[in-house]
């Protein structure tokens, strides 16, 4: 806690706490099960083109991006059904991002 008003010791402002999971090393993250979690998010072709240079994507076309919790892309597809099919035989914990 930080005192912002020297004349009033009871007037304090809480300093923001840093979440302990933000600074994990890759090894620490994997030990917590980071390799068992993926997230899914829709992504427009324009954004996807910034990540993948080939092939060209239509700017307004929407895709589904599956990414491991450590940020590594695992799958890009054009439908949620394709994601569900791909995940069917895997044992990932899944989080959807919007």
PDB file of N, CA and C in Angstrom:
ATOM      1  N   UNK A   1       0.842  -1.175   0.000  1.00  0.00           N
ATOM      2  CA  UNK A   1       0.000   0.000   0.000  1.00  0.00           C
ATOM      3  C   UNK A   1       0.886   1.236   0.000  1.00  0.00           C
ATOM      4  N   UNK A   2       0.418   2.229  -0.677  1.00  0.00           N
ATOM      5  CA  UNK A   2       1.197   3.434  -0.820  1.00  0.00           C
ATOM      6  C   UNK A   2       0.411   4.602  -0.233  1.00  0.00           C
ATOM      7  N   UNK A   3       1.038   5.430   0.558  1.00  0.00           N
ATOM      8  CA  UNK A   3       0.379   6.578   1.141  1.00  0.00           C
ATOM      9  C   UNK A   3       0.479   7.744   0.169  1.00  0.00           C
ATOM     10  N   UNK A   4      -0.667   8.235  -0.266  1.00  0.00           N
ATOM     11  CA  UNK A   4      -0.669   9.329  -1.235  1.00  0.00           C
ATOM     12  C   UNK A   4      -0.788  10.692  -0.582  1.00  0.00           C
ATOM     13  N   UNK A   5      -1.272  10.729   0.651  1.00  0.00           N
ATOM     14  CA  UNK A   5      -1.482  12.005   1.331  1.00  0.00           C
ATOM     15  C   UNK A   5      -0.663  11.993   2.615  1.00  0.00           C
ATOM     16  N   UNK A   6       0.424  12.743   2.625  1.00  0.00           N
ATOM     17  CA  UNK A   6       1.310  12.754   3.784  1.00  0.00           C
ATOM     18  C   UNK A   6       0.633  13.287   5.037  1.00  0.00           C
ATOM     19  N   UNK A   7      -0.364  14.171   4.864  1.00  0.00           N
ATOM     20  CA  UNK A   7      -1.023  14.740   6.025  1.00  0.00           C
ATOM     21  C   UNK A   7      -2.139  13.845   6.568  1.00  0.00           C
ATOM     22  N   UNK A   8      -2.518  12.805   5.855  1.00  0.00           N
ATOM     23  CA  UNK A   8      -3.566  11.902   6.304  1.00  0.00           C
ATOM     24  C   UNK A   8      -3.104  10.461   6.123  1.00  0.00           C
ATOM     25  N   UNK A   9      -2.536   9.853   7.151  1.00  0.00           N
ATOM     26  CA  UNK A   9      -1.982   8.503   7.014  1.00  0.00           C
ATOM     27  C   UNK A   9      -3.025   7.439   6.696  1.00  0.00           C
ATOM     28  N   UNK A  10      -4.310   7.731   6.897  1.00  0.00           N
ATOM     29  CA  UNK A  10      -5.332   6.734   6.616  1.00  0.00           C
ATOM     30  C   UNK A  10      -5.774   6.757   5.157  1.00  0.00           C
ATOM     31  N   UNK A  11      -5.435   7.789   4.428  1.00  0.00           N
ATOM     32  CA  UNK A  11      -5.803   7.883   3.015  1.00  0.00           C
ATOM     33  C   UNK A  11      -4.720   7.183   2.203  1.00  0.00           C
ATOM     34  N   UNK A  12      -4.988   5.960   1.843  1.00  0.00           N
ATOM     35  CA  UNK A  12      -4.014   5.190   1.075  1.00  0.00           C
ATOM     36  C   UNK A  12      -4.621   4.736  -0.239  1.00  0.00           C
ATOM     37  N   UNK A  13      -3.755   4.482  -1.179  1.00  0.00           N
ATOM     38  CA  UNK A  13      -4.175   3.977  -2.480  1.00  0.00           C
ATOM     39  C   UNK A  13      -3.494   2.635  -2.684  1.00  0.00           C
ATOM     40  N   UNK A  14      -4.284   1.635  -2.990  1.00  0.00           N
ATOM     41  CA  UNK A  14      -3.716   0.298  -3.200  1.00  0.00           C
ATOM     42  C   UNK A  14      -2.931   0.276  -4.502  1.00  0.00           C
ATOM     43  N   UNK A  15      -1.761  -0.294  -4.449  1.00  0.00           N
ATOM     44  CA  UNK A  15      -0.989  -0.475  -5.673  1.00  0.00           C
ATOM     45  C   UNK A  15      -1.494  -1.736  -6.364  1.00  0.00           C
ATOM     46  N   UNK A  16      -1.545  -1.728  -7.694  1.00  0.00           N
ATOM     47  CA  UNK A  16      -2.063  -2.900  -8.397  1.00  0.00           C
ATOM     48  C   UNK A  16      -1.178  -4.121  -8.158  1.00  0.00           C
ATOM     49  N   UNK A  17      -1.822  -5.239  -7.901  1.00  0.00           N
ATOM     50  CA  UNK A  17      -1.098  -6.486  -7.688  1.00  0.00           C
ATOM     51  C   UNK A  17      -0.823  -7.130  -9.042  1.00  0.00           C
ATOM     52  N   UNK A  18       0.351  -7.678  -9.204  1.00  0.00           N
ATOM     53  CA  UNK A  18       0.697  -8.392 -10.433  1.00  0.00           C
ATOM     54  C   UNK A  18       0.297  -9.842 -10.242  1.00  0.00           C
ATOM     55  N   UNK A  19      -0.487 -10.360 -11.174  1.00  0.00           N
ATOM     56  CA  UNK A  19      -0.933 -11.746 -11.070  1.00  0.00           C
ATOM     57  C   UNK A  19       0.270 -12.670 -11.186  1.00  0.00           C
ATOM     58  N   UNK A  20       0.414 -13.623 -10.280  1.00  0.00           N
ATOM     59  CA  UNK A  20       1.612 -14.478 -10.274  1.00  0.00           C
ATOM     60  C   UNK A  20       1.753 -15.363 -11.506  1.00  0.00           C
ATOM     61  N   UNK A  21       0.665 -15.622 -12.232  1.00  0.00           N
ATOM     62  CA  UNK A  21       0.758 -16.480 -13.412  1.00  0.00           C
ATOM     63  C   UNK A  21       1.273 -15.742 -14.649  1.00  0.00           C
ATOM     64  N   UNK A  22       1.358 -14.428 -14.589  1.00  0.00           N
ATOM     65  CA  UNK A  22       1.828 -13.661 -15.745  1.00  0.00           C
ATOM     66  C   UNK A  22       3.295 -13.896 -16.071  1.00  0.00           C
ATOM     67  N   UNK A  23       4.093 -14.183 -15.085  1.00  0.00           N
ATOM     68  CA  UNK A  23       5.539 -14.258 -15.283  1.00  0.00           C
ATOM     69  C   UNK A  23       6.095 -15.672 -15.178  1.00  0.00           C
ATOM     70  N   UNK A  24       5.274 -16.665 -15.489  1.00  0.00           N
ATOM     71  CA  UNK A  24       5.763 -18.041 -15.444  1.00  0.00           C
ATOM     72  C   UNK A  24       6.729 -18.308 -16.591  1.00  0.00           C
ATOM     73  N   UNK A  25       7.735 -19.102 -16.311  1.00  0.00           N
ATOM     74  CA  UNK A  25       8.600 -19.561 -17.396  1.00  0.00           C
ATOM     75  C   UNK A  25       7.833 -20.638 -18.161  1.00  0.00           C
ATOM     76  N   UNK A  26       8.224 -20.941 -19.390  1.00  0.00           N
ATOM     77  CA  UNK A  26       7.544 -22.019 -20.128  1.00  0.00           C
ATOM     78  C   UNK A  26       7.523 -23.343 -19.361  1.00  0.00           C
ATOM     79  N   UNK A  27       8.607 -23.665 -18.672  1.00  0.00           N
ATOM     80  CA  UNK A  27       8.654 -24.910 -17.899  1.00  0.00           C
ATOM     81  C   UNK A  27       7.653 -24.888 -16.746  1.00  0.00           C
ATOM     82  N   UNK A  28       7.548 -23.758 -16.052  1.00  0.00           N
ATOM     83  CA  UNK A  28       6.588 -23.636 -14.959  1.00  0.00           C
ATOM     84  C   UNK A  28       5.161 -23.735 -15.482  1.00  0.00           C
ATOM     85  N   UNK A  29       4.907 -23.102 -16.614  1.00  0.00           N
ATOM     86  CA  UNK A  29       3.579 -23.134 -17.215  1.00  0.00           C
ATOM     87  C   UNK A  29       3.189 -24.566 -17.580  1.00  0.00           C
ATOM     88  N   UNK A  30       4.103 -25.301 -18.192  1.00  0.00           N
ATOM     89  CA  UNK A  30       3.824 -26.683 -18.584  1.00  0.00           C
ATOM     90  C   UNK A  30       3.587 -27.549 -17.348  1.00  0.00           C
ATOM     91  N   UNK A  31       4.308 -27.277 -16.267  1.00  0.00           N
ATOM     92  CA  UNK A  31       4.129 -28.049 -15.037  1.00  0.00           C
ATOM     93  C   UNK A  31       2.736 -27.844 -14.445  1.00  0.00           C
ATOM     94  N   UNK A  32       2.129 -26.701 -14.714  1.00  0.00           N
ATOM     95  CA  UNK A  32       0.769 -26.431 -14.244  1.00  0.00           C
ATOM     96  C   UNK A  32      -0.297 -27.021 -15.166  1.00  0.00           C
ATOM     97  N   UNK A  33       0.128 -27.650 -16.242  1.00  0.00           N
ATOM     98  CA  UNK A  33      -0.833 -28.244 -17.167  1.00  0.00           C
ATOM     99  C   UNK A  33      -1.144 -27.354 -18.356  1.00  0.00           C
ATOM    100  N   UNK A  34      -0.287 -26.404 -18.641  1.00  0.00           N
ATOM    101  CA  UNK A  34      -0.512 -25.477 -19.749  1.00  0.00           C
ATOM    102  C   UNK A  34      -0.629 -26.147 -21.100  1.00  0.00           C
ATOM    103  N   UNK A  35      -0.064 -27.339 -21.224  1.00  0.00           N
ATOM    104  CA  UNK A  35      -0.155 -28.043 -22.499  1.00  0.00           C
ATOM    105  C   UNK A  35      -1.507 -28.740 -22.669  1.00  0.00           C
ATOM    106  N   UNK A  36      -2.386 -28.665 -21.659  1.00  0.00           N
ATOM    107  CA  UNK A  36      -3.678 -29.328 -21.727  1.00  0.00           C
ATOM    108  C   UNK A  36      -4.823 -28.348 -21.972  1.00  0.00           C
ATOM    109  N   UNK A  37      -4.499 -27.080 -22.181  1.00  0.00           N
ATOM    110  CA  UNK A  37      -5.531 -26.055 -22.363  1.00  0.00           C
ATOM    111  C   UNK A  37      -5.348 -25.386 -23.714  1.00  0.00           C
ATOM    112  N   UNK A  38      -6.462 -25.206 -24.420  1.00  0.00           N
ATOM    113  CA  UNK A  38      -6.451 -24.448 -25.669  1.00  0.00           C
ATOM    114  C   UNK A  38      -7.556 -23.409 -25.601  1.00  0.00           C
ATOM    115  N   UNK A  39      -7.418 -22.379 -26.406  1.00  0.00           N
ATOM    116  CA  UNK A  39      -8.522 -21.445 -26.529  1.00  0.00           C
ATOM    117  C   UNK A  39      -8.882 -21.292 -27.990  1.00  0.00           C
ATOM    118  N   UNK A  40     -10.145 -20.957 -28.194  1.00  0.00           N
ATOM    119  CA  UNK A  40     -10.689 -20.817 -29.545  1.00  0.00           C
ATOM    120  C   UNK A  40     -11.202 -19.399 -29.676  1.00  0.00           C
ATOM    121  N   UNK A  41     -10.858 -18.779 -30.792  1.00  0.00           N
ATOM    122  CA  UNK A  41     -11.400 -17.443 -31.021  1.00  0.00           C
ATOM    123  C   UNK A  41     -11.625 -17.224 -32.496  1.00  0.00           C
ATOM    124  N   UNK A  42     -12.689 -16.493 -32.818  1.00  0.00           N
ATOM    125  CA  UNK A  42     -12.895 -16.134 -34.215  1.00  0.00           C
ATOM    126  C   UNK A  42     -11.852 -15.100 -34.628  1.00  0.00           C
ATOM    127  N   UNK A  43     -11.442 -15.176 -35.886  1.00  0.00           N
ATOM    128  CA  UNK A  43     -10.443 -14.236 -36.395  1.00  0.00           C
ATOM    129  C   UNK A  43     -10.788 -13.911 -37.846  1.00  0.00           C
ATOM    130  N   UNK A  44     -10.709 -12.658 -38.202  1.00  0.00           N
ATOM    131  CA  UNK A  44     -10.987 -12.216 -39.571  1.00  0.00           C
ATOM    132  C   UNK A  44      -9.783 -12.499 -40.464  1.00  0.00           C
ATOM    133  N   UNK A  45     -10.063 -12.648 -41.748  1.00  0.00           N
ATOM    134  CA  UNK A  45      -9.015 -12.923 -42.718  1.00  0.00           C
ATOM    135  C   UNK A  45      -7.906 -11.893 -42.703  1.00  0.00           C
ATOM    136  N   UNK A  46      -8.240 -10.632 -42.485  1.00  0.00           N
ATOM    137  CA  UNK A  46      -7.221  -9.572 -42.455  1.00  0.00           C
ATOM    138  C   UNK A  46      -6.225  -9.814 -41.317  1.00  0.00           C
ATOM    139  N   UNK A  47      -6.732 -10.209 -40.144  1.00  0.00           N
ATOM    140  CA  UNK A  47      -5.847 -10.494 -39.015  1.00  0.00           C
ATOM    141  C   UNK A  47      -5.040 -11.760 -39.273  1.00  0.00           C
ATOM    142  N   UNK A  48      -5.683 -12.746 -39.865  1.00  0.00           N
ATOM    143  CA  UNK A  48      -5.021 -14.013 -40.145  1.00  0.00           C
ATOM    144  C   UNK A  48      -3.898 -13.822 -41.156  1.00  0.00           C
ATOM    145  N   UNK A  49      -4.111 -12.941 -42.119  1.00  0.00           N
ATOM    146  CA  UNK A  49      -3.077 -12.652 -43.120  1.00  0.00           C
ATOM    147  C   UNK A  49      -1.817 -12.076 -42.491  1.00  0.00           C
ATOM    148  N   UNK A  50      -1.972 -11.393 -41.354  1.00  0.00           N
ATOM    149  CA  UNK A  50      -0.807 -10.853 -40.646  1.00  0.00           C
ATOM    150  C   UNK A  50       0.000 -11.966 -39.992  1.00  0.00           C
ATOM    151  N   UNK A  51      -0.675 -13.070 -39.626  1.00  0.00           N
ATOM    152  CA  UNK A  51      -0.009 -14.181 -38.959  1.00  0.00           C
ATOM    153  C   UNK A  51       0.546 -15.202 -39.936  1.00  0.00           C
ATOM    154  N   UNK A  52      -0.199 -15.427 -41.022  1.00  0.00           N
ATOM    155  CA  UNK A  52       0.162 -16.448 -42.003  1.00  0.00           C
ATOM    156  C   UNK A  52       0.261 -15.770 -43.364  1.00  0.00           C
ATOM    157  N   UNK A  53       1.395 -15.883 -44.013  1.00  0.00           N
ATOM    158  CA  UNK A  53       1.584 -15.171 -45.280  1.00  0.00           C
ATOM    159  C   UNK A  53       0.977 -15.889 -46.479  1.00  0.00           C
ATOM    160  N   UNK A  54       0.827 -17.179 -46.412  1.00  0.00           N
ATOM    161  CA  UNK A  54       0.242 -17.935 -47.518  1.00  0.00           C
ATOM    162  C   UNK A  54      -0.902 -18.766 -47.004  1.00  0.00           C
ATOM    163  N   UNK A  55      -1.982 -18.935 -47.661  1.00  0.00           N
ATOM    164  CA  UNK A  55      -2.436 -18.200 -48.835  1.00  0.00           C
ATOM    165  C   UNK A  55      -3.034 -16.858 -48.433  1.00  0.00           C
ATOM    166  N   UNK A  56      -3.509 -16.107 -49.415  1.00  0.00           N
ATOM    167  CA  UNK A  56      -4.177 -14.837 -49.131  1.00  0.00           C
ATOM    168  C   UNK A  56      -5.588 -15.120 -48.633  1.00  0.00           C
ATOM    169  N   UNK A  57      -6.013 -14.392 -47.623  1.00  0.00           N
ATOM    170  CA  UNK A  57      -7.345 -14.542 -47.058  1.00  0.00           C
ATOM    171  C   UNK A  57      -8.164 -13.300 -47.368  1.00  0.00           C
ATOM    172  N   UNK A  58      -9.448 -13.491 -47.591  1.00  0.00           N
ATOM    173  CA  UNK A  58     -10.347 -12.348 -47.765  1.00  0.00           C
ATOM    174  C   UNK A  58     -10.429 -11.602 -46.435  1.00  0.00           C
ATOM    175  N   UNK A  59     -10.348 -10.265 -46.491  1.00  0.00           N
ATOM    176  CA  UNK A  59     -10.314  -9.466 -45.267  1.00  0.00           C
ATOM    177  C   UNK A  59     -11.500  -9.707 -44.340  1.00  0.00           C
ATOM    178  N   UNK A  60     -12.713  -9.852 -44.898  1.00  0.00           N
ATOM    179  CA  UNK A  60     -13.900  -9.977 -44.059  1.00  0.00           C
ATOM    180  C   UNK A  60     -14.323 -11.423 -43.804  1.00  0.00           C
ATOM    181  N   UNK A  61     -13.599 -12.366 -44.363  1.00  0.00           N
ATOM    182  CA  UNK A  61     -13.889 -13.780 -44.143  1.00  0.00           C
ATOM    183  C   UNK A  61     -13.544 -14.128 -42.689  1.00  0.00           C
ATOM    184  N   UNK A  62     -14.400 -14.949 -42.042  1.00  0.00           N
ATOM    185  CA  UNK A  62     -14.141 -15.305 -40.653  1.00  0.00           C
ATOM    186  C   UNK A  62     -13.659 -16.741 -40.530  1.00  0.00           C
ATOM    187  N   UNK A  63     -12.661 -16.927 -39.677  1.00  0.00           N
ATOM    188  CA  UNK A  63     -12.063 -18.232 -39.422  1.00  0.00           C
ATOM    189  C   UNK A  63     -12.111 -18.511 -37.933  1.00  0.00           C
ATOM    190  N   UNK A  64     -11.810 -19.747 -37.581  1.00  0.00           N
ATOM    191  CA  UNK A  64     -11.692 -20.141 -36.180  1.00  0.00           C
ATOM    192  C   UNK A  64     -10.225 -20.471 -35.927  1.00  0.00           C
ATOM    193  N   UNK A  65      -9.674 -19.884 -34.899  1.00  0.00           N
ATOM    194  CA  UNK A  65      -8.280 -20.077 -34.544  1.00  0.00           C
ATOM    195  C   UNK A  65      -8.219 -20.821 -33.213  1.00  0.00           C
ATOM    196  N   UNK A  66      -7.529 -21.960 -33.195  1.00  0.00           N
ATOM    197  CA  UNK A  66      -7.319 -22.723 -31.964  1.00  0.00           C
ATOM    198  C   UNK A  66      -5.857 -22.541 -31.590  1.00  0.00           C
ATOM    199  N   UNK A  67      -5.644 -22.070 -30.372  1.00  0.00           N
ATOM    200  CA  UNK A  67      -4.301 -21.737 -29.907  1.00  0.00           C
ATOM    201  C   UNK A  67      -4.066 -22.414 -28.566  1.00  0.00           C
ATOM    202  N   UNK A  68      -2.865 -22.950 -28.379  1.00  0.00           N
ATOM    203  CA  UNK A  68      -2.546 -23.532 -27.074  1.00  0.00           C
ATOM    204  C   UNK A  68      -2.412 -22.404 -26.058  1.00  0.00           C
ATOM    205  N   UNK A  69      -2.501 -22.758 -24.802  1.00  0.00           N
ATOM    206  CA  UNK A  69      -2.436 -21.747 -23.750  1.00  0.00           C
ATOM    207  C   UNK A  69      -1.119 -20.991 -23.746  1.00  0.00           C
ATOM    208  N   UNK A  70      -0.073 -21.578 -24.318  1.00  0.00           N
ATOM    209  CA  UNK A  70       1.210 -20.870 -24.380  1.00  0.00           C
ATOM    210  C   UNK A  70       1.312 -19.954 -25.594  1.00  0.00           C
ATOM    211  N   UNK A  71       0.232 -19.889 -26.396  1.00  0.00           N
ATOM    212  CA  UNK A  71       0.192 -18.978 -27.540  1.00  0.00           C
ATOM    213  C   UNK A  71       0.542 -19.603 -28.869  1.00  0.00           C
ATOM    214  N   UNK A  72       0.864 -20.878 -28.899  1.00  0.00           N
ATOM    215  CA  UNK A  72       1.207 -21.547 -30.156  1.00  0.00           C
ATOM    216  C   UNK A  72      -0.056 -21.899 -30.934  1.00  0.00           C
ATOM    217  N   UNK A  73      -0.147 -21.469 -32.205  1.00  0.00           N
ATOM    218  CA  UNK A  73      -1.328 -21.822 -33.003  1.00  0.00           C
ATOM    219  C   UNK A  73      -1.348 -23.327 -33.296  1.00  0.00           C
ATOM    220  N   UNK A  74      -2.528 -23.929 -33.151  1.00  0.00           N
ATOM    221  CA  UNK A  74      -2.678 -25.355 -33.385  1.00  0.00           C
ATOM    222  C   UNK A  74      -3.533 -25.661 -34.607  1.00  0.00           C
ATOM    223  N   UNK A  75      -4.546 -24.820 -34.872  1.00  0.00           N
ATOM    224  CA  UNK A  75      -5.475 -25.085 -35.964  1.00  0.00           C
ATOM    225  C   UNK A  75      -6.112 -23.796 -36.429  1.00  0.00           C
ATOM    226  N   UNK A  76      -6.237 -23.660 -37.739  1.00  0.00           N
ATOM    227  CA  UNK A  76      -7.027 -22.593 -38.343  1.00  0.00           C
ATOM    228  C   UNK A  76      -8.017 -23.281 -39.257  1.00  0.00           C
ATOM    229  N   UNK A  77      -9.282 -22.953 -39.094  1.00  0.00           N
ATOM    230  CA  UNK A  77     -10.313 -23.562 -39.923  1.00  0.00           C
ATOM    231  C   UNK A  77     -11.410 -22.548 -40.206  1.00  0.00           C
ATOM    232  N   UNK A  78     -12.295 -22.911 -41.110  1.00  0.00           N
ATOM    233  CA  UNK A  78     -13.337 -21.960 -41.497  1.00  0.00           C
ATOM    234  C   UNK A  78     -14.677 -22.199 -40.811  1.00  0.00           C
ATOM    235  N   UNK A  79     -14.754 -23.167 -39.875  1.00  0.00           N
ATOM    236  CA  UNK A  79     -16.046 -23.398 -39.230  1.00  0.00           C
ATOM    237  C   UNK A  79     -15.884 -23.933 -37.813  1.00  0.00           C
ATOM    238  N   UNK A  80     -16.830 -23.589 -36.944  1.00  0.00           N
ATOM    239  CA  UNK A  80     -16.817 -24.139 -35.592  1.00  0.00           C
ATOM    240  C   UNK A  80     -16.978 -25.666 -35.594  1.00  0.00           C
ATOM    241  N   UNK A  81     -17.674 -26.193 -36.575  1.00  0.00           N
ATOM    242  CA  UNK A  81     -17.850 -27.644 -36.678  1.00  0.00           C
ATOM    243  C   UNK A  81     -16.514 -28.342 -36.903  1.00  0.00           C
ATOM    244  N   UNK A  82     -15.656 -27.740 -37.703  1.00  0.00           N
ATOM    245  CA  UNK A  82     -14.327 -28.309 -37.937  1.00  0.00           C
ATOM    246  C   UNK A  82     -13.503 -28.320 -36.655  1.00  0.00           C
ATOM    247  N   UNK A  83     -13.641 -27.278 -35.865  1.00  0.00           N
ATOM    248  CA  UNK A  83     -12.939 -27.222 -34.576  1.00  0.00           C
ATOM    249  C   UNK A  83     -13.439 -28.349 -33.683  1.00  0.00           C
ATOM    250  N   UNK A  84     -14.767 -28.500 -33.598  1.00  0.00           N
ATOM    251  CA  UNK A  84     -15.346 -29.541 -32.748  1.00  0.00           C
ATOM    252  C   UNK A  84     -14.886 -30.924 -33.195  1.00  0.00           C
ATOM    253  N   UNK A  85     -14.841 -31.146 -34.491  1.00  0.00           N
ATOM    254  CA  UNK A  85     -14.389 -32.438 -35.012  1.00  0.00           C
ATOM    255  C   UNK A  85     -12.922 -32.691 -34.656  1.00  0.00           C
ATOM    256  N   UNK A  86     -12.094 -31.670 -34.810  1.00  0.00           N
ATOM    257  CA  UNK A  86     -10.665 -31.798 -34.504  1.00  0.00           C
ATOM    258  C   UNK A  86     -10.442 -32.067 -33.019  1.00  0.00           C
ATOM    259  N   UNK A  87     -11.232 -31.406 -32.169  1.00  0.00           N
ATOM    260  CA  UNK A  87     -11.064 -31.560 -30.722  1.00  0.00           C
ATOM    261  C   UNK A  87     -11.679 -32.847 -30.182  1.00  0.00           C
ATOM    262  N   UNK A  88     -12.530 -33.507 -30.956  1.00  0.00           N
ATOM    263  CA  UNK A  88     -13.293 -34.655 -30.474  1.00  0.00           C
ATOM    264  C   UNK A  88     -12.420 -35.756 -29.869  1.00  0.00           C
ATOM    265  N   UNK A  89     -11.275 -36.023 -30.453  1.00  0.00           N
ATOM    266  CA  UNK A  89     -10.440 -37.109 -29.933  1.00  0.00           C
ATOM    267  C   UNK A  89      -9.262 -36.611 -29.096  1.00  0.00           C
ATOM    268  N   UNK A  90      -9.335 -35.359 -28.683  1.00  0.00           N
ATOM    269  CA  UNK A  90      -8.263 -34.783 -27.864  1.00  0.00           C
ATOM    270  C   UNK A  90      -8.804 -34.494 -26.466  1.00  0.00           C
ATOM    271  N   UNK A  91      -7.941 -34.385 -25.519  1.00  0.00           N
ATOM    272  CA  UNK A  91      -8.385 -34.143 -24.142  1.00  0.00           C
ATOM    273  C   UNK A  91      -7.927 -32.778 -23.631  1.00  0.00           C
ATOM    274  N   UNK A  92      -8.186 -31.756 -24.418  1.00  0.00           N
ATOM    275  CA  UNK A  92      -7.847 -30.392 -24.023  1.00  0.00           C
ATOM    276  C   UNK A  92      -8.971 -29.795 -23.187  1.00  0.00           C
ATOM    277  N   UNK A  93      -8.612 -28.917 -22.262  1.00  0.00           N
ATOM    278  CA  UNK A  93      -9.586 -28.036 -21.659  1.00  0.00           C
ATOM    279  C   UNK A  93      -9.744 -26.891 -22.640  1.00  0.00           C
ATOM    280  N   UNK A  94     -10.973 -26.471 -22.925  1.00  0.00           N
ATOM    281  CA  UNK A  94     -11.214 -25.480 -23.964  1.00  0.00           C
ATOM    282  C   UNK A  94     -11.814 -24.211 -23.367  1.00  0.00           C
ATOM    283  N   UNK A  95     -11.292 -23.070 -23.822  1.00  0.00           N
ATOM    284  CA  UNK A  95     -11.806 -21.760 -23.442  1.00  0.00           C
ATOM    285  C   UNK A  95     -12.134 -21.037 -24.724  1.00  0.00           C
ATOM    286  N   UNK A  96     -13.309 -20.420 -24.801  1.00  0.00           N
ATOM    287  CA  UNK A  96     -13.669 -19.626 -25.977  1.00  0.00           C
ATOM    288  C   UNK A  96     -13.408 -18.158 -25.679  1.00  0.00           C
ATOM    289  N   UNK A  97     -12.777 -17.468 -26.609  1.00  0.00           N
ATOM    290  CA  UNK A  97     -12.542 -16.027 -26.489  1.00  0.00           C
ATOM    291  C   UNK A  97     -13.378 -15.321 -27.527  1.00  0.00           C
ATOM    292  N   UNK A  98     -13.925 -14.179 -27.144  1.00  0.00           N
ATOM    293  CA  UNK A  98     -14.753 -13.403 -28.078  1.00  0.00           C
ATOM    294  C   UNK A  98     -14.171 -12.033 -28.258  1.00  0.00           C
TER     295      UNK A  98
END
